[in-house]
Amino acid sequence: MIRSLPLVALLGLIATPALAHTGVGPTAGLASGFGHPIGGLDHLLAMVAVGLLAAQGAATSGRRALWAVPAAFVGLMVVGGVLGMSGLPLPMVELGIVGSVLVLGVVIALGRHLPLGAAMALVGALAIFHGHAHGTEMPLAANGLLYGLGFALATSLLHAAGIGLGLAASRLDEKRAPLLIRVGGGAIATAGLALMVL
């Protein structure tokens, strides 16, 4: 038995850990990035609001708004994520995130259709705060590229959910759809105000 100890020790040293668990190895970045936007109510509400704003804007700006508004958000969120991963400071990130929920909710609730360029600029500016928070909260062991892909994918899915809600309202009752979307915006704005107070 004593003669087999060196063999056991050698096998122990060369053994690699089992990577069957989520959050270990390459999947750690993707899973962590995907979970980040979904894990916070402020992020979740803002992402759905961007989708609702895109659906609302499609009535005046055409169907191009359905992809252009979310694409502007995701693109500038990635820029903010790179800034956060790089350690570059951005003032008032948390206020910018919670404020984005309130601002987007109010814009939707007012029902005044923004020109497509203005809607893209608004969501893009707000996206930098969300991206910066994602970037600064990246786990140390995560792969930055996979982490960024994860939060971009989750964000896109949440945008799609908001667009889906807006389009579903139009299919259910075309006349009342604008009002239903505005009520949704009001609910989001109210939640944003509550998050600011808390």
Protein backbone atom coordinates (compact mmCIF):
# COMPACT_ATOMS: atom_id res chain seq x y z
CA MET A 1 0.00 0.00 0.00
CA ILE A 2 2.82 2.44 0.81
CA ARG A 3 4.40 1.74 -2.60
CA SER A 4 1.16 2.78 -4.36
CA LEU A 5 1.04 6.21 -2.63
CA PRO A 6 3.37 7.88 -5.18
CA LEU A 7 1.15 6.58 -7.98
CA VAL A 8 -2.01 7.87 -6.24
CA ALA A 9 -0.33 11.24 -5.64
CA LEU A 10 0.77 11.46 -9.27
CA LEU A 11 -2.72 10.63 -10.51
CA GLY A 12 -4.16 13.25 -8.16
CA LEU A 13 -1.81 15.90 -9.51
CA ILE A 14 -2.55 15.24 -13.17
CA ALA A 15 -6.31 14.81 -12.78
CA THR A 16 -8.41 17.65 -14.16
CA PRO A 17 -11.60 18.83 -12.48
CA ALA A 18 -14.91 17.61 -13.85
CA LEU A 19 -16.51 20.35 -15.91
CA ALA A 20 -20.01 18.94 -15.83
CA HIS A 21 -21.38 21.71 -13.62
CA THR A 22 -22.67 24.98 -15.00
CA GLY A 23 -20.57 28.01 -14.21
CA VAL A 24 -17.29 26.13 -14.66
CA GLY A 25 -14.88 26.52 -17.56
CA PRO A 26 -15.86 28.23 -20.81
CA THR A 27 -19.58 28.20 -20.02
CA ALA A 28 -19.00 30.37 -16.95
CA GLY A 29 -18.75 33.53 -19.04
CA LEU A 30 -21.74 32.80 -21.23
CA ALA A 31 -24.00 31.69 -18.36
CA SER A 32 -22.96 34.57 -16.09
CA GLY A 33 -23.44 37.10 -18.87
CA PHE A 34 -26.82 35.66 -19.82
CA GLY A 35 -28.04 35.69 -16.23
CA HIS A 36 -27.00 39.25 -15.42
CA PRO A 37 -29.74 41.20 -17.28
CA ILE A 38 -32.39 38.73 -16.17
CA GLY A 39 -31.30 38.75 -12.52
CA GLY A 40 -32.07 42.41 -11.80
CA LEU A 41 -35.56 43.92 -11.97
CA ASP A 42 -34.19 47.26 -13.15
CA HIS A 43 -32.36 45.67 -16.09
CA LEU A 44 -35.31 43.44 -16.93
CA LEU A 45 -37.85 46.29 -16.96
CA ALA A 46 -35.61 48.52 -19.07
CA MET A 47 -35.02 45.78 -21.66
CA VAL A 48 -38.73 45.01 -22.01
CA ALA A 49 -39.42 48.77 -22.21
CA VAL A 50 -37.01 49.11 -25.14
CA GLY A 51 -38.99 46.40 -26.94
CA LEU A 52 -42.29 48.14 -26.17
CA LEU A 53 -40.87 51.45 -27.40
CA ALA A 54 -39.79 49.74 -30.64
CA ALA A 55 -43.27 48.24 -31.10
CA GLN A 56 -44.86 51.60 -30.37
CA GLY A 57 -42.52 53.32 -32.82
CA ALA A 58 -43.30 50.82 -35.57
CA ALA A 59 -46.71 52.47 -35.94
CA THR A 60 -45.12 55.71 -37.20
CA SER A 61 -41.56 54.82 -38.19
CA GLY A 62 -42.42 51.54 -39.87
CA ARG A 63 -41.29 48.03 -39.10
CA ARG A 64 -37.64 49.13 -39.24
CA ALA A 65 -38.09 50.38 -35.66
CA LEU A 66 -38.63 46.78 -34.53
CA TRP A 67 -34.97 45.93 -35.15
CA ALA A 68 -33.25 49.35 -35.24
CA VAL A 69 -34.20 50.49 -31.74
CA PRO A 70 -33.13 47.24 -30.01
CA ALA A 71 -29.97 47.08 -32.17
CA ALA A 72 -29.00 50.58 -31.03
CA PHE A 73 -29.43 49.51 -27.42
CA VAL A 74 -27.46 46.28 -27.75
CA GLY A 75 -24.67 47.94 -29.73
CA LEU A 76 -24.06 50.71 -27.22
CA MET A 77 -24.59 48.35 -24.29
CA VAL A 78 -21.66 46.31 -25.61
CA VAL A 79 -19.59 49.53 -25.77
CA GLY A 80 -20.52 50.23 -22.14
CA GLY A 81 -19.65 46.64 -21.25
CA VAL A 82 -16.16 47.01 -22.73
CA LEU A 83 -15.70 50.24 -20.75
CA GLY A 84 -16.76 48.45 -17.56
CA MET A 85 -14.52 45.43 -18.22
CA SER A 86 -11.63 47.82 -18.87
CA GLY A 87 -12.11 49.45 -15.48
CA LEU A 88 -12.93 52.88 -16.92
CA PRO A 89 -15.21 54.69 -14.47
CA LEU A 90 -18.62 56.03 -15.44
CA PRO A 91 -20.38 58.35 -12.99
CA MET A 92 -23.84 57.58 -11.61
CA VAL A 93 -24.21 54.15 -13.23
CA GLU A 94 -26.86 52.89 -10.80
CA LEU A 95 -28.86 56.12 -11.12
CA GLY A 96 -28.57 55.83 -14.91
CA ILE A 97 -29.91 52.27 -14.84
CA VAL A 98 -32.86 52.97 -12.55
CA GLY A 99 -33.45 56.30 -14.31
CA SER A 100 -33.63 54.47 -17.64
CA VAL A 101 -36.60 52.45 -16.37
CA LEU A 102 -38.39 55.65 -15.37
CA VAL A 103 -37.49 57.57 -18.56
CA LEU A 104 -38.44 54.76 -20.94
CA GLY A 105 -41.68 54.13 -19.06
CA VAL A 106 -42.64 57.82 -19.20
CA VAL A 107 -41.83 58.09 -22.91
CA ILE A 108 -43.99 55.05 -23.67
CA ALA A 109 -46.80 56.25 -21.37
CA LEU A 110 -46.94 59.66 -23.04
CA GLY A 111 -47.57 57.94 -26.36
CA ARG A 112 -45.77 60.60 -28.36
CA HIS A 113 -43.97 58.80 -31.12
CA LEU A 114 -40.30 59.69 -31.28
CA PRO A 115 -38.63 59.86 -34.68
CA LEU A 116 -36.61 56.71 -35.26
CA GLY A 117 -33.25 58.49 -34.86
CA ALA A 118 -34.33 60.08 -31.58
CA ALA A 119 -35.57 56.74 -30.21
CA MET A 120 -32.28 55.08 -31.17
CA ALA A 121 -30.25 57.89 -29.58
CA LEU A 122 -32.29 57.73 -26.37
CA VAL A 123 -32.01 54.00 -25.89
CA GLY A 124 -28.35 54.03 -26.95
CA ALA A 125 -27.43 56.62 -24.33
CA LEU A 126 -29.23 54.64 -21.61
CA ALA A 127 -27.67 51.38 -22.79
CA ILE A 128 -24.17 52.56 -21.90
CA PHE A 129 -25.11 52.54 -18.20
CA HIS A 130 -26.51 49.01 -18.40
CA GLY A 131 -23.50 47.76 -20.32
CA HIS A 132 -21.06 49.38 -17.90
CA ALA A 133 -22.74 47.65 -14.97
CA HIS A 134 -22.60 44.30 -16.79
CA GLY A 135 -18.92 44.82 -17.57
CA THR A 136 -17.84 45.84 -14.08
CA GLU A 137 -19.71 42.91 -12.52
CA MET A 138 -18.14 40.29 -14.80
CA PRO A 139 -16.76 37.41 -12.70
CA LEU A 140 -12.94 37.31 -12.65
CA ALA A 141 -12.80 33.80 -14.10
CA ALA A 142 -15.22 34.56 -16.94
CA ASN A 143 -14.18 34.89 -20.56
CA GLY A 144 -15.02 38.49 -21.53
CA LEU A 145 -16.14 37.63 -25.05
CA LEU A 146 -18.48 34.88 -23.90
CA TYR A 147 -19.74 37.01 -21.03
CA GLY A 148 -20.53 39.85 -23.43
CA LEU A 149 -22.23 37.45 -25.82
CA GLY A 150 -24.33 36.16 -22.92
CA PHE A 151 -25.61 39.54 -21.78
CA ALA A 152 -26.20 40.68 -25.39
CA LEU A 153 -28.24 37.53 -26.07
CA ALA A 154 -30.33 37.85 -22.89
CA THR A 155 -30.93 41.53 -23.63
CA SER A 156 -32.05 40.74 -27.18
CA LEU A 157 -34.49 38.14 -25.89
CA LEU A 158 -35.95 40.62 -23.40
CA HIS A 159 -36.29 43.19 -26.19
CA ALA A 160 -38.09 40.54 -28.24
CA ALA A 161 -40.45 39.94 -25.30
CA GLY A 162 -41.30 43.65 -25.19
CA ILE A 163 -41.84 43.75 -28.95
CA GLY A 164 -44.00 40.63 -28.66
CA LEU A 165 -46.17 42.25 -25.99
CA GLY A 166 -46.62 45.36 -28.11
CA LEU A 167 -47.49 43.41 -31.25
CA ALA A 168 -49.79 41.07 -29.31
CA ALA A 169 -51.72 44.10 -28.03
CA SER A 170 -52.15 45.26 -31.64
CA ARG A 171 -53.42 41.85 -32.73
CA LEU A 172 -55.87 41.57 -29.84
CA ASP A 173 -57.43 44.98 -30.31
CA GLU A 174 -55.96 47.31 -32.89
CA LYS A 175 -57.94 50.34 -31.67
CA ARG A 176 -57.02 49.92 -28.02
CA ALA A 177 -53.43 48.75 -28.60
CA PRO A 178 -51.87 52.24 -28.29
CA LEU A 179 -53.66 52.72 -24.96
CA LEU A 180 -52.62 49.27 -23.71
CA ILE A 181 -48.99 49.97 -24.59
CA ARG A 182 -49.20 53.37 -22.87
CA VAL A 183 -50.62 51.71 -19.74
CA GLY A 184 -47.70 49.26 -19.85
CA GLY A 185 -45.33 52.21 -20.07
CA GLY A 186 -47.04 53.79 -17.08
CA ALA A 187 -46.60 50.60 -15.08
CA ILE A 188 -42.91 50.50 -16.00
CA ALA A 189 -42.48 54.18 -15.05
CA THR A 190 -44.18 53.53 -11.71
CA ALA A 191 -41.88 50.60 -11.04
CA GLY A 192 -38.90 52.79 -11.98
CA LEU A 193 -40.01 55.45 -9.53
CA ALA A 194 -40.42 52.82 -6.81
CA LEU A 195 -36.91 51.49 -7.53
CA MET A 196 -35.49 55.02 -7.25
CA VAL A 197 -37.13 55.54 -3.87
CA LEU A 198 -36.01 52.17 -2.50
